[in-house]
PDB file of N, CA and C in Angstrom:
ATOM      1  N   MET A   1      86.191  89.203 102.292  1.00  0.00           N
ATOM      2  CA  MET A   1      85.102  89.563 102.368  1.00  0.00           C
ATOM      3  C   MET A   1      84.623  89.908 103.439  1.00  0.00           C
ATOM      4  N   SER A   2      84.285  91.317 103.388  1.00  0.00           N
ATOM      5  CA  SER A   2      83.137  91.651 104.590  1.00  0.00           C
ATOM      6  C   SER A   2      81.457  91.362 104.481  1.00  0.00           C
ATOM      7  N   THR A   3      81.387  90.801 105.299  1.00  0.00           N
ATOM      8  CA  THR A   3      79.632  90.395 105.628  1.00  0.00           C
ATOM      9  C   THR A   3      78.925  91.100 106.575  1.00  0.00           C
ATOM     10  N   ASN A   4      77.620  90.811 106.156  1.00  0.00           N
ATOM     11  CA  ASN A   4      76.784  91.862 106.900  1.00  0.00           C
ATOM     12  C   ASN A   4      75.733  90.844 107.396  1.00  0.00           C
ATOM     13  N   ARG A   5      75.011  90.484 108.360  1.00  0.00           N
ATOM     14  CA  ARG A   5      73.916  88.984 108.561  1.00  0.00           C
ATOM     15  C   ARG A   5      72.689  90.062 108.438  1.00  0.00           C
ATOM     16  N   THR A   6      72.006  89.085 107.750  1.00  0.00           N
ATOM     17  CA  THR A   6      70.349  89.767 107.314  1.00  0.00           C
ATOM     18  C   THR A   6      69.415  88.576 107.515  1.00  0.00           C
ATOM     19  N   THR A   7      68.478  88.856 107.898  1.00  0.00           N
ATOM     20  CA  THR A   7      66.905  87.835 107.365  1.00  0.00           C
ATOM     21  C   THR A   7      66.379  87.637 106.341  1.00  0.00           C
ATOM     22  N   VAL A   8      66.402  86.505 105.684  1.00  0.00           N
ATOM     23  CA  VAL A   8      65.558  86.534 104.380  1.00  0.00           C
ATOM     24  C   VAL A   8      64.161  85.455 104.722  1.00  0.00           C
ATOM     25  N   ALA A   9      63.033  86.029 104.523  1.00  0.00           N
ATOM     26  CA  ALA A   9      62.205  85.141 104.376  1.00  0.00           C
ATOM     27  C   ALA A   9      62.046  84.218 103.257  1.00  0.00           C
ATOM     28  N   LEU A  10      61.976  83.148 102.737  1.00  0.00           N
ATOM     29  CA  LEU A  10      61.772  82.085 102.013  1.00  0.00           C
ATOM     30  C   LEU A  10      60.682  81.334 102.182  1.00  0.00           C
ATOM     31  N   PRO A  11      60.433  80.596 100.609  1.00  0.00           N
ATOM     32  CA  PRO A  11      58.787  80.186 100.755  1.00  0.00           C
ATOM     33  C   PRO A  11      59.920  78.623 101.412  1.00  0.00           C
ATOM     34  N   VAL A  12      58.881  77.503 102.116  1.00  0.00           N
ATOM     35  CA  VAL A  12      59.365  76.324 102.515  1.00  0.00           C
ATOM     36  C   VAL A  12      59.915  75.723 101.668  1.00  0.00           C
ATOM     37  N   ASP A  13      59.214  75.143 100.419  1.00  0.00           N
ATOM     38  CA  ASP A  13      59.530  74.616  99.390  1.00  0.00           C
ATOM     39  C   ASP A  13      61.061  74.899  98.739  1.00  0.00           C
ATOM     40  N   LEU A  14      61.267  76.368  98.445  1.00  0.00           N
ATOM     41  CA  LEU A  14      62.436  77.153  97.918  1.00  0.00           C
ATOM     42  C   LEU A  14      63.953  77.109  99.035  1.00  0.00           C
ATOM     43  N   LEU A  15      63.366  76.587 100.044  1.00  0.00           N
ATOM     44  CA  LEU A  15      64.238  76.795 101.162  1.00  0.00           C
ATOM     45  C   LEU A  15      64.748  74.684 101.484  1.00  0.00           C
ATOM     46  N   SER A  16      63.620  74.232 101.358  1.00  0.00           N
ATOM     47  CA  SER A  16      63.996  72.448 101.426  1.00  0.00           C
ATOM     48  C   SER A  16      64.993  72.566  99.842  1.00  0.00           C
ATOM     49  N   SER A  17      65.150  73.389  99.124  1.00  0.00           N
ATOM     50  CA  SER A  17      65.591  72.322  97.288  1.00  0.00           C
ATOM     51  C   SER A  17      66.988  73.207  97.811  1.00  0.00           C
ATOM     52  N   ILE A  18      67.439  74.382  98.237  1.00  0.00           N
ATOM     53  CA  ILE A  18      68.692  74.660  98.498  1.00  0.00           C
ATOM     54  C   ILE A  18      69.335  74.239  99.752  1.00  0.00           C
ATOM     55  N   ASP A  19      68.445  73.539 100.709  1.00  0.00           N
ATOM     56  CA  ASP A  19      68.782  72.884 101.335  1.00  0.00           C
ATOM     57  C   ASP A  19      69.334  71.314 100.644  1.00  0.00           C
ATOM     58  N   ALA A  20      68.582  70.837  99.993  1.00  0.00           N
ATOM     59  CA  ALA A  20      69.241  69.427  98.564  1.00  0.00           C
ATOM     60  C   ALA A  20      70.224  69.738  98.383  1.00  0.00           C
ATOM     61  N   VAL A  21      70.582  70.936  97.517  1.00  0.00           N
ATOM     62  CA  VAL A  21      71.881  71.745  96.979  1.00  0.00           C
ATOM     63  C   VAL A  21      72.669  71.301  98.120  1.00  0.00           C
ATOM     64  N   VAL A  22      72.598  71.909  99.162  1.00  0.00           N
ATOM     65  CA  VAL A  22      73.651  71.980  99.888  1.00  0.00           C
ATOM     66  C   VAL A  22      73.856  70.443 100.650  1.00  0.00           C
ATOM     67  N   ARG A  23      73.113  69.799 100.494  1.00  0.00           N
ATOM     68  CA  ARG A  23      73.743  68.460 101.588  1.00  0.00           C
ATOM     69  C   ARG A  23      73.876  67.384 100.092  1.00  0.00           C
ATOM     70  N   SER A  24      74.034  68.095  98.716  1.00  0.00           N
ATOM     71  CA  SER A  24      74.261  67.035  97.660  1.00  0.00           C
ATOM     72  C   SER A  24      75.879  67.559  97.681  1.00  0.00           C
ATOM     73  N   GLY A  25      76.351  68.543  97.919  1.00  0.00           N
ATOM     74  CA  GLY A  25      77.662  69.172  98.079  1.00  0.00           C
ATOM     75  C   GLY A  25      77.949  70.159  97.083  1.00  0.00           C
ATOM     76  N   ARG A  26      76.725  70.795  96.068  1.00  0.00           N
ATOM     77  CA  ARG A  26      76.705  71.452  95.137  1.00  0.00           C
ATOM     78  C   ARG A  26      76.580  72.876  95.203  1.00  0.00           C
ATOM     79  N   ALA A  27      76.808  72.679  96.623  1.00  0.00           N
ATOM     80  CA  ALA A  27      76.998  74.614  97.164  1.00  0.00           C
ATOM     81  C   ALA A  27      77.698  74.255  98.522  1.00  0.00           C
ATOM     82  N   ALA A  28      78.223  74.671  99.061  1.00  0.00           N
ATOM     83  CA  ALA A  28      78.950  75.603 100.981  1.00  0.00           C
ATOM     84  C   ALA A  28      77.998  75.400 101.666  1.00  0.00           C
ATOM     85  N   SER A  29      76.860  76.080 101.660  1.00  0.00           N
ATOM     86  CA  SER A  29      76.216  76.789 102.197  1.00  0.00           C
ATOM     87  C   SER A  29      74.492  77.304 101.904  1.00  0.00           C
ATOM     88  N   ARG A  30      73.913  77.507 102.540  1.00  0.00           N
ATOM     89  CA  ARG A  30      72.940  78.132 102.679  1.00  0.00           C
ATOM     90  C   ARG A  30      73.214  79.701 101.805  1.00  0.00           C
ATOM     91  N   ASN A  31      74.330  80.289 102.958  1.00  0.00           N
ATOM     92  CA  ASN A  31      74.849  81.633 102.496  1.00  0.00           C
ATOM     93  C   ASN A  31      75.381  81.415 101.620  1.00  0.00           C
ATOM     94  N   ALA A  32      76.576  80.668 101.082  1.00  0.00           N
ATOM     95  CA  ALA A  32      76.663  80.137  99.967  1.00  0.00           C
ATOM     96  C   ALA A  32      76.050  80.596  98.928  1.00  0.00           C
ATOM     97  N   PHE A  33      75.131  79.853  98.352  1.00  0.00           N
ATOM     98  CA  PHE A  33      74.313  79.283  97.602  1.00  0.00           C
ATOM     99  C   PHE A  33      73.270  80.639  97.596  1.00  0.00           C
ATOM    100  N   LEU A  34      73.105  81.730  98.645  1.00  0.00           N
ATOM    101  CA  LEU A  34      72.014  82.872  98.003  1.00  0.00           C
ATOM    102  C   LEU A  34      72.849  83.898  97.630  1.00  0.00           C
ATOM    103  N   ALA A  35      74.373  83.616  98.336  1.00  0.00           N
ATOM    104  CA  ALA A  35      75.317  84.861  97.521  1.00  0.00           C
ATOM    105  C   ALA A  35      75.366  84.680  96.166  1.00  0.00           C
ATOM    106  N   HIS A  36      75.422  83.493  96.015  1.00  0.00           N
ATOM    107  CA  HIS A  36      75.744  82.979  94.595  1.00  0.00           C
ATOM    108  C   HIS A  36      74.634  83.527  93.412  1.00  0.00           C
ATOM    109  N   ALA A  37      73.584  83.337  93.916  1.00  0.00           N
ATOM    110  CA  ALA A  37      72.374  83.286  93.361  1.00  0.00           C
ATOM    111  C   ALA A  37      72.219  84.797  92.733  1.00  0.00           C
ATOM    112  N   VAL A  38      72.020  85.339  94.170  1.00  0.00           N
ATOM    113  CA  VAL A  38      72.306  86.994  94.103  1.00  0.00           C
ATOM    114  C   VAL A  38      72.418  88.148  93.162  1.00  0.00           C
ATOM    115  N   ARG A  39      73.703  87.303  93.341  1.00  0.00           N
ATOM    116  CA  ARG A  39      75.188  87.763  93.038  1.00  0.00           C
ATOM    117  C   ARG A  39      75.172  87.708  91.028  1.00  0.00           C
ATOM    118  N   HIS A  40      74.471  86.358  90.836  1.00  0.00           N
ATOM    119  CA  HIS A  40      73.793  86.290  89.840  1.00  0.00           C
ATOM    120  C   HIS A  40      73.128  86.694  88.822  1.00  0.00           C
ATOM    121  N   GLU A  41      72.084  87.162  89.970  1.00  0.00           N
ATOM    122  CA  GLU A  41      70.665  88.187  89.385  1.00  0.00           C
ATOM    123  C   GLU A  41      70.977  89.172  89.692  1.00  0.00           C
ATOM    124  N   LEU A  42      71.786  89.925  89.753  1.00  0.00           N
ATOM    125  CA  LEU A  42      72.160  91.194  89.949  1.00  0.00           C
ATOM    126  C   LEU A  42      73.022  91.589  88.741  1.00  0.00           C
ATOM    127  N   GLU A  43      73.821  90.579  88.514  1.00  0.00           N
ATOM    128  CA  GLU A  43      74.706  90.075  86.949  1.00  0.00           C
ATOM    129  C   GLU A  43      73.611  90.371  85.862  1.00  0.00           C
ATOM    130  N   ARG A  44      72.742  89.509  85.860  1.00  0.00           N
ATOM    131  CA  ARG A  44      71.824  89.260  84.906  1.00  0.00           C
ATOM    132  C   ARG A  44      71.350  91.134  84.750  1.00  0.00           C
ATOM    133  N   LEU A  45      70.528  91.639  85.182  1.00  0.00           N
ATOM    134  CA  LEU A  45      69.626  92.786  85.861  1.00  0.00           C
ATOM    135  C   LEU A  45      70.611  93.686  85.147  1.00  0.00           C
ATOM    136  N   GLN A  46      72.012  94.240  85.581  1.00  0.00           N
ATOM    137  CA  GLN A  46      73.126  94.890  84.846  1.00  0.00           C
ATOM    138  C   GLN A  46      73.392  94.687  83.221  1.00  0.00           C
ATOM    139  N   ARG A  47      73.180  93.181  82.870  1.00  0.00           N
ATOM    140  CA  ARG A  47      73.162  93.384  81.491  1.00  0.00           C
ATOM    141  C   ARG A  47      72.102  93.366  81.052  1.00  0.00           C
ATOM    142  N   GLU A  48      70.851  93.332  81.126  1.00  0.00           N
ATOM    143  CA  GLU A  48      69.457  94.192  81.007  1.00  0.00           C
ATOM    144  C   GLU A  48      69.479  95.005  80.658  1.00  0.00           C
ATOM    145  N   ALA A  49      70.199  96.153  81.466  1.00  0.00           N
ATOM    146  CA  ALA A  49      70.059  97.418  81.685  1.00  0.00           C
ATOM    147  C   ALA A  49      70.869  98.131  80.403  1.00  0.00           C
ATOM    148  N   ILE A  50      72.112  97.590  80.251  1.00  0.00           N
ATOM    149  CA  ILE A  50      72.633  97.853  79.009  1.00  0.00           C
ATOM    150  C   ILE A  50      72.383  97.450  78.033  1.00  0.00           C
ATOM    151  N   ASP A  51      71.743  96.538  77.910  1.00  0.00           N
ATOM    152  CA  ASP A  51      70.968  95.849  76.079  1.00  0.00           C
ATOM    153  C   ASP A  51      70.251  97.184  76.329  1.00  0.00           C
ATOM    154  N   ARG A  52      69.294  97.463  77.032  1.00  0.00           N
ATOM    155  CA  ARG A  52      68.344  98.126  77.103  1.00  0.00           C
ATOM    156  C   ARG A  52      68.677 100.117  76.300  1.00  0.00           C
ATOM    157  N   GLN A  53      70.069 100.302  76.993  1.00  0.00           N
ATOM    158  CA  GLN A  53      70.828 101.522  76.441  1.00  0.00           C
ATOM    159  C   GLN A  53      71.628 101.427  74.895  1.00  0.00           C
ATOM    160  N   PHE A  54      71.631 100.012  74.714  1.00  0.00           N
ATOM    161  CA  PHE A  54      71.831  99.788  73.213  1.00  0.00           C
ATOM    162  C   PHE A  54      71.108  99.908  72.584  1.00  0.00           C
ATOM    163  N   GLU A  55      69.513  99.414  72.989  1.00  0.00           N
ATOM    164  CA  GLU A  55      68.507  98.995  72.087  1.00  0.00           C
ATOM    165  C   GLU A  55      67.793 100.938  71.770  1.00  0.00           C
ATOM    166  N   MET A  56      68.316 102.014  73.204  1.00  0.00           N
ATOM    167  CA  MET A  56      67.999 103.177  73.287  1.00  0.00           C
ATOM    168  C   MET A  56      68.508 103.846  72.050  1.00  0.00           C
ATOM    169  N   MET A  57      69.615 103.404  71.696  1.00  0.00           N
ATOM    170  CA  MET A  57      71.019 103.945  70.785  1.00  0.00           C
ATOM    171  C   MET A  57      70.752 103.588  69.210  1.00  0.00           C
ATOM    172  N   ALA A  58      69.698 102.570  69.485  1.00  0.00           N
ATOM    173  CA  ALA A  58      69.933 102.272  67.925  1.00  0.00           C
ATOM    174  C   ALA A  58      68.665 102.893  66.917  1.00  0.00           C
ATOM    175  N   THR A  59      67.652 103.861  68.068  1.00  0.00           N
ATOM    176  CA  THR A  59      66.986 104.392  67.440  1.00  0.00           C
ATOM    177  C   THR A  59      66.727 105.534  68.071  1.00  0.00           C
ATOM    178  N   ASP A  60      68.160 106.327  68.311  1.00  0.00           N
ATOM    179  CA  ASP A  60      68.347 107.208  68.487  1.00  0.00           C
ATOM    180  C   ASP A  60      68.551 108.142  67.037  1.00  0.00           C
ATOM    181  N   ALA A  61      68.425 108.817  66.619  1.00  0.00           N
ATOM    182  CA  ALA A  61      68.242 109.588  65.236  1.00  0.00           C
ATOM    183  C   ALA A  61      70.165 110.359  65.866  1.00  0.00           C
ATOM    184  N   GLN A  62      70.199 111.307  66.903  1.00  0.00           N
ATOM    185  CA  GLN A  62      71.478 111.984  67.303  1.00  0.00           C
ATOM    186  C   GLN A  62      72.428 110.982  67.689  1.00  0.00           C
ATOM    187  N   TYR A  63      72.264 109.903  67.701  1.00  0.00           N
ATOM    188  CA  TYR A  63      73.364 108.828  68.334  1.00  0.00           C
ATOM    189  C   TYR A  63      74.273 108.511  66.937  1.00  0.00           C
ATOM    190  N   GLN A  64      72.773 108.398  66.101  1.00  0.00           N
ATOM    191  CA  GLN A  64      72.774 107.932  64.962  1.00  0.00           C
ATOM    192  C   GLN A  64      74.129 108.315  63.741  1.00  0.00           C
ATOM    193  N   ARG A  65      73.902 109.794  63.843  1.00  0.00           N
ATOM    194  CA  ARG A  65      74.471 111.006  63.025  1.00  0.00           C
ATOM    195  C   ARG A  65      76.118 111.015  63.252  1.00  0.00           C
ATOM    196  N   GLU A  66      76.011 111.243  64.976  1.00  0.00           N
ATOM    197  CA  GLU A  66      77.002 111.156  65.274  1.00  0.00           C
ATOM    198  C   GLU A  66      78.198 109.822  65.078  1.00  0.00           C
ATOM    199  N   ALA A  67      77.850 108.794  65.593  1.00  0.00           N
ATOM    200  CA  ALA A  67      78.168 107.531  65.170  1.00  0.00           C
ATOM    201  C   ALA A  67      78.697 107.458  63.529  1.00  0.00           C
ATOM    202  N   ARG A  68      77.541 107.876  62.297  1.00  0.00           N
ATOM    203  CA  ARG A  68      78.460 107.187  61.210  1.00  0.00           C
ATOM    204  C   ARG A  68      79.270 108.730  60.668  1.00  0.00           C
ATOM    205  N   ARG A  69      79.680 110.044  61.446  1.00  0.00           N
ATOM    206  CA  ARG A  69      80.295 111.011  61.768  1.00  0.00           C
ATOM    207  C   ARG A  69      81.262 110.610  61.585  1.00  0.00           C
ATOM    208  N   ILE A  70      81.232 109.488  63.046  1.00  0.00           N
ATOM    209  CA  ILE A  70      82.814 109.284  63.745  1.00  0.00           C
ATOM    210  C   ILE A  70      83.445 108.348  62.795  1.00  0.00           C
ATOM    211  N   SER A  71      82.469 107.337  62.432  1.00  0.00           N
ATOM    212  CA  SER A  71      82.853 106.392  61.877  1.00  0.00           C
ATOM    213  C   SER A  71      83.353 106.524  60.103  1.00  0.00           C
ATOM    214  N   ASP A  72      83.042 107.492  59.574  1.00  0.00           N
ATOM    215  CA  ASP A  72      83.394 108.236  58.072  1.00  0.00           C
ATOM    216  C   ASP A  72      84.696 108.786  58.407  1.00  0.00           C
ATOM    217  N   GLU A  73      84.914 109.600  59.772  1.00  0.00           N
ATOM    218  CA  GLU A  73      86.160 110.193  59.880  1.00  0.00           C
ATOM    219  C   GLU A  73      87.748 109.245  60.026  1.00  0.00           C
ATOM    220  N   TYR A  74      87.153 107.979  60.465  1.00  0.00           N
ATOM    221  CA  TYR A  74      88.129 106.784  61.021  1.00  0.00           C
ATOM    222  C   TYR A  74      88.366 106.071  60.085  1.00  0.00           C
ATOM    223  N   ALA A  75      87.646 105.975  59.043  1.00  0.00           N
ATOM    224  CA  ALA A  75      87.408 105.241  57.384  1.00  0.00           C
ATOM    225  C   ALA A  75      88.648 105.046  57.120  1.00  0.00           C
ATOM    226  N   ARG A  76      89.422 105.930  57.090  1.00  0.00           N
ATOM    227  CA  ARG A  76      90.670 105.884  56.078  1.00  0.00           C
ATOM    228  C   ARG A  76      91.672 104.989  57.114  1.00  0.00           C
ATOM    229  N   SER A  77      91.864 105.542  58.126  1.00  0.00           N
ATOM    230  CA  SER A  77      92.735 104.540  59.409  1.00  0.00           C
ATOM    231  C   SER A  77      92.294 103.458  59.445  1.00  0.00           C
ATOM    232  N   ASP A  78      91.551 103.210  59.231  1.00  0.00           N
ATOM    233  CA  ASP A  78      90.462 102.071  59.887  1.00  0.00           C
ATOM    234  C   ASP A  78      91.011 101.058  58.845  1.00  0.00           C
ATOM    235  N   TRP A  79      91.269 101.020  57.077  1.00  0.00           N
ATOM    236  CA  TRP A  79      91.903 100.524  56.383  1.00  0.00           C
ATOM    237  C   TRP A  79      93.281 100.398  56.057  1.00  0.00           C
ATOM    238  N   GLU A  80      93.336 101.637  56.422  1.00  0.00           N
ATOM    239  CA  GLU A  80      95.177 100.967  56.462  1.00  0.00           C
ATOM    240  C   GLU A  80      95.410 100.397  57.740  1.00  0.00           C
ATOM    241  N   ALA A  81      94.771 100.286  59.177  1.00  0.00           N
ATOM    242  CA  ALA A  81      95.139  99.790  60.376  1.00  0.00           C
ATOM    243  C   ALA A  81      95.182  97.935  59.494  1.00  0.00           C
ATOM    244  N   LEU A  82      93.935  97.511  58.412  1.00  0.00           N
ATOM    245  CA  LEU A  82      93.958  96.395  58.342  1.00  0.00           C
ATOM    246  C   LEU A  82      94.460  96.075  57.611  1.00  0.00           C
ATOM    247  N   ARG A  83      95.450  96.734  56.178  1.00  0.00           N
ATOM    248  CA  ARG A  83      96.045  96.518  55.428  1.00  0.00           C
ATOM    249  C   ARG A  83      97.074  96.268  56.004  1.00  0.00           C
ATOM    250  N   VAL A  84      97.802  97.082  56.969  1.00  0.00           N
ATOM    251  CA  VAL A  84      99.091  96.532  57.800  1.00  0.00           C
ATOM    252  C   VAL A  84      99.051  95.324  58.481  1.00  0.00           C
ATOM    253  N   ALA A  85      98.003  95.120  59.385  1.00  0.00           N
ATOM    254  CA  ALA A  85      97.735  93.676  59.736  1.00  0.00           C
ATOM    255  C   ALA A  85      97.387  92.520  59.029  1.00  0.00           C
ATOM    256  N   GLU A  86      97.443  92.919  57.632  1.00  0.00           N
ATOM    257  CA  GLU A  86      97.781  91.254  57.166  1.00  0.00           C
ATOM    258  C   GLU A  86      98.464  91.330  56.146  1.00  0.00           C
ATOM    259  N   ASP A  87      99.451  92.690  56.291  1.00  0.00           N
ATOM    260  CA  ASP A  87     100.729  92.474  55.450  1.00  0.00           C
ATOM    261  C   ASP A  87     101.764  91.710  56.426  1.00  0.00           C
ATOM    262  N   ASP A  88     101.297  91.732  57.699  1.00  0.00           N
ATOM    263  CA  ASP A  88     102.220  91.211  58.689  1.00  0.00           C
ATOM    264  C   ASP A  88     102.080  89.993  59.202  1.00  0.00           C
ATOM    265  N   SER A  89     100.331  89.716  58.567  1.00  0.00           N
ATOM    266  CA  SER A  89     100.402  88.040  58.207  1.00  0.00           C
ATOM    267  C   SER A  89     101.220  86.669  57.726  1.00  0.00           C
TER     268      SER A  89
END
């Protein structure tokens, strides 16, 4: 994995807490800890953005009509697939 060196200013108490985690062996280094924490936060923000999109879909009348139309079109084949799956069980 390629890396790029940067400088980050952190509050003293936060850096002390990170160092304690590294000393305890729960992180390999400050760099590893920070990379993990940043990656975790970016993933959380991405999940929040996706959740907001789903929330918008729930109130979007045009999307709801289209979803209902598609569901209606596939209702018969969905039931057939369920019947076949139950027969195979």
